[in-house]
Amino acid sequence: MRPSRRAPDELRPVTLERGVVKYAEGSCLVKFGDTHVLVTATLEERLPPWLKGQGRGWVTAEYGMLPRATLERTRREASAGKQSGRTVEIQRLIGRSLRTIVDLEALGERQITVDCDVLQADGGTRTASITGAWVALADCIAWMKSRNMVKANVMRDNVAAISCGIYNGTPVLDLDYAEDSAAETDANFVMTGDGRIIEVQGTAEREPFTQDEFLKLIALAQKGIARLVDLQKLAVA
């Protein structure tokens, strides 16, 4: 039995609330159970120096956790003077994931920065961030289209992410913190709307996992991401 009493292939309750930040070109408050992430997408008429003059744009991401997103207060990274390795790794993952489905030439010589701020953490903050980031990015692109800033289809597909793991010997979908902290194996999957894989992160925390177990985790991820993509499409419809 899972601590949440969910079925092995059952997601936590997921909501994607758009337009929650007045000034951002795109925004989404994404909730995976008790994990809540505020995502904003900001359009900037500038590019990294190494991209100037190449006729294409850029999508990048930043990620952070508020001090009381967890049970105990976490010191702000700005006060420490640098970002942690975990933060850098997650924001790079978010940026990579979004760029795979964006036509950077169609975007033009502009940059969209997606900020993912974790308000409350209960496992799966990176996967929730990616799933909500797609909605915020879609709204930002729609904002640009309404002003004739872009004409072509800038976004080629959906992208969403989910965690899976082996908990008490059973492959399960969408780990919360209680499961993630005790799982024998945990993995994160990022996929497109048509089921192609963008990135897989998998780790055996106790016992090595088998190929058969890995295939079961992929199957769970495909099912969960298909449901998340449906929710994304409903959110922006």
Protein backbone atom coordinates (compact mmCIF):
# COMPACT_ATOMS: atom_id res chain seq x y z
CA MET A 1 0.00 0.00 0.00
CA ARG A 2 1.31 3.44 -0.95
CA PRO A 3 1.35 6.05 1.86
CA SER A 4 -1.16 8.11 -0.13
CA ARG A 5 -3.32 5.02 -0.77
CA ARG A 6 -3.15 5.68 -4.50
CA ALA A 7 -3.09 2.88 -7.07
CA PRO A 8 0.38 2.16 -8.51
CA ASP A 9 -0.51 3.95 -11.79
CA GLU A 10 -2.42 6.85 -10.20
CA LEU A 11 -1.26 10.46 -10.35
CA ARG A 12 -1.68 12.85 -7.48
CA PRO A 13 -4.44 15.46 -8.07
CA VAL A 14 -2.99 17.79 -10.73
CA THR A 15 -4.14 21.33 -11.52
CA LEU A 16 -2.77 23.86 -14.01
CA GLU A 17 -4.02 27.39 -13.33
CA ARG A 18 -3.16 29.95 -16.00
CA GLY A 19 -2.78 33.71 -15.83
CA VAL A 20 -1.93 33.94 -12.15
CA VAL A 21 0.70 36.70 -12.50
CA LYS A 22 -0.54 40.05 -13.83
CA TYR A 23 2.64 41.30 -15.49
CA ALA A 24 4.11 38.13 -17.00
CA GLU A 25 3.51 37.28 -20.67
CA GLY A 26 2.68 33.77 -19.52
CA SER A 27 2.16 32.16 -16.10
CA CYS A 28 0.91 28.97 -14.50
CA LEU A 29 0.41 27.76 -10.94
CA VAL A 30 0.94 24.01 -11.16
CA LYS A 31 -0.02 21.66 -8.34
CA PHE A 32 0.87 17.99 -8.08
CA GLY A 33 -0.79 17.15 -4.77
CA ASP A 34 1.08 19.12 -2.11
CA THR A 35 3.86 20.17 -4.52
CA HIS A 36 3.07 23.68 -5.77
CA VAL A 37 5.19 25.60 -8.28
CA LEU A 38 4.64 29.10 -9.65
CA VAL A 39 5.90 29.38 -13.24
CA THR A 40 6.24 32.60 -15.23
CA ALA A 41 7.41 33.12 -18.81
CA THR A 42 9.06 36.46 -19.65
CA LEU A 43 9.70 37.72 -23.17
CA GLU A 44 12.90 39.72 -23.63
CA GLU A 45 14.10 41.48 -26.76
CA ARG A 46 17.66 40.36 -26.18
CA LEU A 47 19.80 37.29 -26.63
CA PRO A 48 22.90 35.74 -25.10
CA PRO A 49 25.93 37.31 -26.84
CA TRP A 50 26.90 34.03 -28.49
CA LEU A 51 23.50 33.85 -30.27
CA LYS A 52 23.35 37.36 -31.74
CA GLY A 53 23.01 37.60 -35.50
CA GLN A 54 22.11 33.93 -35.98
CA GLY A 55 18.44 34.53 -36.76
CA ARG A 56 17.06 32.41 -33.97
CA GLY A 57 15.84 32.84 -30.43
CA TRP A 58 16.43 31.10 -27.11
CA VAL A 59 14.44 29.60 -24.26
CA THR A 60 16.08 29.33 -20.87
CA ALA A 61 14.92 28.59 -17.33
CA GLU A 62 15.65 29.44 -13.73
CA TYR A 63 14.52 27.38 -10.72
CA GLY A 64 14.44 28.02 -7.01
CA MET A 65 12.75 27.03 -3.78
CA LEU A 66 11.26 29.49 -1.34
CA PRO A 67 12.76 29.28 2.16
CA ARG A 68 9.69 27.56 3.67
CA ALA A 69 8.84 25.33 0.72
CA THR A 70 10.03 22.46 2.93
CA LEU A 71 9.50 21.37 6.52
CA GLU A 72 12.44 23.42 7.75
CA ARG A 73 13.57 26.79 6.45
CA THR A 74 16.10 26.62 3.62
CA ARG A 75 18.54 29.50 3.30
CA ARG A 76 18.06 31.60 0.18
CA GLU A 77 20.76 30.80 -2.35
CA ALA A 78 21.21 34.52 -3.06
CA SER A 79 22.33 35.03 0.54
CA ALA A 80 24.78 32.16 0.17
CA GLY A 81 26.29 33.85 -2.87
CA LYS A 82 25.83 30.95 -5.30
CA GLN A 83 23.37 28.39 -6.55
CA SER A 84 23.60 24.80 -5.42
CA GLY A 85 24.54 22.09 -7.89
CA ARG A 86 21.01 20.69 -7.62
CA THR A 87 19.47 24.02 -8.60
CA VAL A 88 21.74 24.44 -11.61
CA GLU A 89 21.07 20.89 -12.77
CA ILE A 90 17.28 21.28 -12.50
CA GLN A 91 17.06 24.61 -14.30
CA ARG A 92 19.23 23.27 -17.12
CA LEU A 93 16.89 20.28 -17.40
CA ILE A 94 13.85 22.56 -17.64
CA GLY A 95 15.47 24.72 -20.32
CA ARG A 96 16.61 21.70 -22.37
CA SER A 97 13.18 20.13 -22.16
CA LEU A 98 11.40 23.23 -23.46
CA ARG A 99 13.86 23.92 -26.27
CA THR A 100 13.27 20.48 -27.79
CA ILE A 101 9.73 21.46 -28.78
CA VAL A 102 10.35 25.11 -29.75
CA ASP A 103 11.16 26.27 -33.28
CA LEU A 104 13.88 28.75 -32.33
CA GLU A 105 14.04 30.22 -35.85
CA ALA A 106 10.30 30.94 -35.78
CA LEU A 107 10.72 32.59 -32.39
CA GLY A 108 13.05 35.18 -33.91
CA GLU A 109 15.94 36.91 -32.17
CA ARG A 110 14.29 37.00 -28.76
CA GLN A 111 14.68 35.18 -25.47
CA ILE A 112 11.97 33.70 -23.26
CA THR A 113 13.00 33.10 -19.66
CA VAL A 114 10.89 30.65 -17.69
CA ASP A 115 11.09 31.07 -13.90
CA CYS A 116 10.01 28.15 -11.72
CA ASP A 117 9.59 29.04 -8.04
CA VAL A 118 8.70 26.20 -5.69
CA LEU A 119 6.13 27.43 -3.17
CA GLN A 120 5.69 24.06 -1.49
CA ALA A 121 7.67 20.86 -2.00
CA ASP A 122 6.37 17.32 -1.53
CA GLY A 123 8.38 15.46 -4.15
CA GLY A 124 8.55 15.90 -7.91
CA THR A 125 9.30 19.62 -8.03
CA ARG A 126 11.31 19.35 -11.25
CA THR A 127 8.67 17.33 -13.07
CA ALA A 128 5.90 19.67 -11.92
CA SER A 129 8.03 22.62 -13.05
CA ILE A 130 8.45 21.23 -16.56
CA THR A 131 4.76 20.39 -16.90
CA GLY A 132 3.68 23.85 -15.75
CA ALA A 133 6.43 25.55 -17.76
CA TRP A 134 4.91 24.30 -20.99
CA VAL A 135 1.62 26.03 -20.13
CA ALA A 136 3.34 29.31 -19.22
CA LEU A 137 5.40 29.14 -22.41
CA ALA A 138 2.31 28.42 -24.52
CA ASP A 139 0.61 31.49 -23.07
CA CYS A 140 3.69 33.60 -23.77
CA ILE A 141 3.72 32.47 -27.41
CA ALA A 142 -0.03 33.15 -27.66
CA TRP A 143 0.62 36.66 -26.28
CA MET A 144 3.20 37.18 -29.02
CA LYS A 145 0.88 35.88 -31.75
CA SER A 146 -1.88 38.26 -30.66
CA ARG A 147 0.56 41.12 -31.35
CA ASN A 148 1.77 39.72 -34.68
CA MET A 149 5.26 39.17 -33.26
CA VAL A 150 5.34 35.60 -34.54
CA LYS A 151 3.32 33.90 -37.27
CA ALA A 152 4.61 30.35 -37.63
CA ASN A 153 3.88 27.57 -35.15
CA VAL A 154 6.63 28.20 -32.62
CA MET A 155 5.73 25.25 -30.39
CA ARG A 156 5.89 21.92 -32.19
CA ASP A 157 4.52 19.67 -29.45
CA ASN A 158 3.68 19.39 -25.79
CA VAL A 159 6.26 18.45 -23.18
CA ALA A 160 5.54 17.08 -19.72
CA ALA A 161 7.42 15.18 -17.04
CA ILE A 162 6.68 12.72 -14.27
CA SER A 163 8.52 10.74 -11.63
CA CYS A 164 8.31 6.97 -11.22
CA GLY A 165 9.94 4.59 -8.80
CA ILE A 166 10.00 1.20 -7.15
CA TYR A 167 8.45 1.42 -3.71
CA ASN A 168 8.22 -1.70 -1.54
CA GLY A 169 9.01 -3.78 -4.60
CA THR A 170 6.25 -2.26 -6.74
CA PRO A 171 6.70 0.15 -9.69
CA VAL A 172 4.63 3.27 -8.93
CA LEU A 173 3.82 6.55 -10.66
CA ASP A 174 4.31 10.13 -9.40
CA LEU A 175 6.23 9.78 -6.13
CA ASP A 176 5.48 12.13 -3.27
CA TYR A 177 8.14 12.83 -0.66
CA ALA A 178 7.16 9.91 1.60
CA GLU A 179 7.73 7.49 -1.27
CA ASP A 180 10.69 9.28 -2.84
CA SER A 181 12.64 9.24 0.43
CA ALA A 182 12.13 5.49 0.88
CA ALA A 183 12.05 4.20 -2.70
CA GLU A 184 14.42 1.45 -3.84
CA THR A 185 14.60 3.15 -7.25
CA ASP A 186 13.49 6.55 -8.44
CA ALA A 187 13.43 8.03 -11.93
CA ASN A 188 12.26 11.13 -13.78
CA PHE A 189 10.94 10.98 -17.33
CA VAL A 190 10.49 13.91 -19.71
CA MET A 191 8.52 13.20 -22.88
CA THR A 192 6.82 14.96 -25.76
CA GLY A 193 3.10 14.86 -26.38
CA ASP A 194 3.54 12.14 -29.00
CA GLY A 195 5.44 9.94 -26.54
CA ARG A 196 9.04 10.56 -27.60
CA ILE A 197 11.65 10.63 -24.84
CA ILE A 198 13.51 13.86 -24.09
CA GLU A 199 15.37 12.81 -20.96
CA VAL A 200 15.46 9.97 -18.43
CA GLN A 201 17.07 10.24 -15.01
CA GLY A 202 17.09 6.98 -13.06
CA THR A 203 18.90 5.90 -9.91
CA ALA A 204 18.98 2.73 -7.82
CA GLU A 205 18.90 3.94 -4.23
CA ARG A 206 19.27 0.48 -2.67
CA GLU A 207 19.18 -2.53 -4.98
CA PRO A 208 20.03 -2.31 -8.69
CA PHE A 209 16.94 -2.54 -10.87
CA THR A 210 16.42 -4.88 -13.80
CA GLN A 211 15.65 -4.14 -17.43
CA ASP A 212 12.14 -5.52 -16.91
CA GLU A 213 11.59 -3.15 -13.99
CA PHE A 214 12.90 -0.24 -16.07
CA LEU A 215 10.46 -1.06 -18.88
CA LYS A 216 7.62 -1.09 -16.34
CA LEU A 217 8.69 2.37 -15.15
CA ILE A 218 8.71 3.65 -18.75
CA ALA A 219 5.21 2.26 -19.30
CA LEU A 220 3.98 4.02 -16.15
CA ALA A 221 5.63 7.26 -17.25
CA GLN A 222 4.03 7.09 -20.70
CA LYS A 223 0.61 6.64 -19.15
CA GLY A 224 1.12 9.46 -16.66
CA ILE A 225 2.53 11.89 -19.21
CA ALA A 226 -0.33 11.19 -21.63
CA ARG A 227 -2.72 12.26 -18.87
CA LEU A 228 -0.64 15.37 -18.11
CA VAL A 229 -0.62 16.34 -21.80
CA ASP A 230 -4.41 16.04 -21.84
CA LEU A 231 -4.56 18.40 -18.85
CA GLN A 232 -2.20 20.85 -20.59
CA LYS A 233 -4.39 20.88 -23.69
CA LEU A 234 -7.49 21.49 -21.57
CA ALA A 235 -5.72 24.29 -19.71
CA VAL A 236 -4.81 26.26 -22.85
CA ALA A 237 -7.92 25.42 -24.87
